[in-house]
C-alpha atoms as a PDB file:
ATOM      1  CA  UNK A   1     118.689 122.753  95.057  1.00  0.00           C
ATOM      2  CA  UNK A   2     121.886 120.686  95.437  1.00  0.00           C
ATOM      3  CA  UNK A   3     122.723 117.519  93.935  1.00  0.00           C
ATOM      4  CA  UNK A   4     122.267 115.611  97.158  1.00  0.00           C
ATOM      5  CA  UNK A   5     118.873 116.995  97.574  1.00  0.00           C
ATOM      6  CA  UNK A   6     117.792 115.905  94.228  1.00  0.00           C
ATOM      7  CA  UNK A   7     119.169 112.476  94.789  1.00  0.00           C
ATOM      8  CA  UNK A   8     117.484 112.223  98.042  1.00  0.00           C
ATOM      9  CA  UNK A   9     114.200 113.068  96.538  1.00  0.00           C
ATOM     10  CA  UNK A  10     114.433 110.540  93.944  1.00  0.00           C
ATOM     11  CA  UNK A  11     115.465 108.062  96.248  1.00  0.00           C
ATOM     12  CA  UNK A  12     112.271 108.812  98.371  1.00  0.00           C
ATOM     13  CA  UNK A  13     110.124 108.793  95.147  1.00  0.00           C
ATOM     14  CA  UNK A  14     111.438 105.313  94.014  1.00  0.00           C
ATOM     15  CA  UNK A  15     110.861 104.007  97.537  1.00  0.00           C
ATOM     16  CA  UNK A  16     107.255 105.018  97.505  1.00  0.00           C
ATOM     17  CA  UNK A  17     106.729 103.506  94.020  1.00  0.00           C
ATOM     18  CA  UNK A  18     108.146 100.118  95.380  1.00  0.00           C
ATOM     19  CA  UNK A  19     105.371  99.807  98.009  1.00  0.00           C
ATOM     20  CA  UNK A  20     102.322  99.025  95.671  1.00  0.00           C
ATOM     21  CA  UNK A  21     104.461  96.891  93.695  1.00  0.00           C
ATOM     22  CA  UNK A  22     105.526  94.864  96.735  1.00  0.00           C
ATOM     23  CA  UNK A  23     101.959  94.587  98.012  1.00  0.00           C
ATOM     24  CA  UNK A  24     100.853  93.291  94.370  1.00  0.00           C
ATOM     25  CA  UNK A  25     103.543  90.509  94.698  1.00  0.00           C
ATOM     26  CA  UNK A  26     102.489  89.671  98.132  1.00  0.00           C
ATOM     27  CA  UNK A  27      98.904  89.262  96.996  1.00  0.00           C
ATOM     28  CA  UNK A  28     100.006  87.443  93.678  1.00  0.00           C
ATOM     29  CA  UNK A  29     102.172  84.995  95.666  1.00  0.00           C
ATOM     30  CA  UNK A  30      99.346  84.519  98.353  1.00  0.00           C
ATOM     31  CA  UNK A  31      96.853  83.941  95.719  1.00  0.00           C
ATOM     32  CA  UNK A  32      99.032  81.462  93.736  1.00  0.00           C
ATOM     33  CA  UNK A  33      99.228  83.536  90.703  1.00  0.00           C
ATOM     34  CA  UNK A  34     102.971  84.367  91.280  1.00  0.00           C
ATOM     35  CA  UNK A  35     105.616  81.790  91.828  1.00  0.00           C
ATOM     36  CA  UNK A  36     106.179  81.164  95.444  1.00  0.00           C
ATOM     37  CA  UNK A  37     109.278  82.331  97.166  1.00  0.00           C
ATOM     38  CA  UNK A  38     109.410  85.603  95.436  1.00  0.00           C
ATOM     39  CA  UNK A  39     110.959  88.343  97.814  1.00  0.00           C
ATOM     40  CA  UNK A  40     108.121  90.964  97.449  1.00  0.00           C
ATOM     41  CA  UNK A  41     110.472  94.009  98.037  1.00  0.00           C
ATOM     42  CA  UNK A  42     113.384  92.758  96.100  1.00  0.00           C
ATOM     43  CA  UNK A  43     111.020  92.006  93.190  1.00  0.00           C
ATOM     44  CA  UNK A  44     109.469  95.486  93.469  1.00  0.00           C
ATOM     45  CA  UNK A  45     112.648  97.052  92.893  1.00  0.00           C
ATOM     46  CA  UNK A  46     113.713  94.923  90.341  1.00  0.00           C
ATOM     47  CA  UNK A  47     110.584  95.712  88.336  1.00  0.00           C
ATOM     48  CA  UNK A  48     110.896  99.451  88.790  1.00  0.00           C
ATOM     49  CA  UNK A  49     114.485  99.166  87.739  1.00  0.00           C
ATOM     50  CA  UNK A  50     113.719  97.178  84.688  1.00  0.00           C
ATOM     51  CA  UNK A  51     110.707  99.473  83.854  1.00  0.00           C
ATOM     52  CA  UNK A  52     113.094 102.612  84.015  1.00  0.00           C
ATOM     53  CA  UNK A  53     115.747 100.982  82.025  1.00  0.00           C
ATOM     54  CA  UNK A  54     113.093 100.007  79.240  1.00  0.00           C
ATOM     55  CA  UNK A  55     111.663 103.313  79.365  1.00  0.00           C
ATOM     56  CA  UNK A  56     115.201 104.902  78.753  1.00  0.00           C
ATOM     57  CA  UNK A  57     116.143 102.549  76.350  1.00  0.00           C
ATOM     58  CA  UNK A  58     112.611 103.179  74.239  1.00  0.00           C
ATOM     59  CA  UNK A  59     113.344 106.691  74.271  1.00  0.00           C
ATOM     60  CA  UNK A  60     116.802 106.284  72.932  1.00  0.00           C
ATOM     61  CA  UNK A  61     115.890 103.825  70.164  1.00  0.00           C
ATOM     62  CA  UNK A  62     112.545 105.549  69.469  1.00  0.00           C
ATOM     63  CA  UNK A  63     110.548 102.294  69.901  1.00  0.00           C
ATOM     64  CA  UNK A  64     108.382 100.467  72.307  1.00  0.00           C
ATOM     65  CA  UNK A  65     110.143  97.271  71.785  1.00  0.00           C
ATOM     66  CA  UNK A  66     111.978  97.500  75.255  1.00  0.00           C
ATOM     67  CA  UNK A  67     108.783  98.245  77.118  1.00  0.00           C
ATOM     68  CA  UNK A  68     107.072  95.343  75.222  1.00  0.00           C
ATOM     69  CA  UNK A  69     110.118  93.026  76.174  1.00  0.00           C
ATOM     70  CA  UNK A  70     109.624  94.120  79.886  1.00  0.00           C
ATOM     71  CA  UNK A  71     106.025  93.405  79.811  1.00  0.00           C
ATOM     72  CA  UNK A  72     106.487  89.946  78.366  1.00  0.00           C
ATOM     73  CA  UNK A  73     109.335  88.994  80.343  1.00  0.00           C
ATOM     74  CA  UNK A  74     108.068  90.450  83.796  1.00  0.00           C
ATOM     75  CA  UNK A  75     104.803  88.271  83.347  1.00  0.00           C
ATOM     76  CA  UNK A  76     106.905  85.370  82.634  1.00  0.00           C
ATOM     77  CA  UNK A  77     109.304  85.712  85.763  1.00  0.00           C
ATOM     78  CA  UNK A  78     106.422  86.260  87.920  1.00  0.00           C
ATOM     79  CA  UNK A  79     103.976  83.567  86.857  1.00  0.00           C
ATOM     80  CA  UNK A  80     103.357  80.658  88.799  1.00  0.00           C
ATOM     81  CA  UNK A  81     102.764  78.358  85.901  1.00  0.00           C
ATOM     82  CA  UNK A  82     105.849  79.638  83.913  1.00  0.00           C
END
């Protein structure tokens, strides 16, 4: 498999992962649980990027702190009452 093939496969996988995240954001905004005005697609991509970064950092540092930070900050950024 060539590098471009691997990259294209990963692009497709990350795009598929974004779909349920974007739907969750749409539902959260519609219900009033998430802050109004969030772009569901951009927010989904941000959450996936931040999650992947926290996983990498946690492996490098051998700690769950980056993942814990991700969960706390993602909740704060999304919540309508924050």
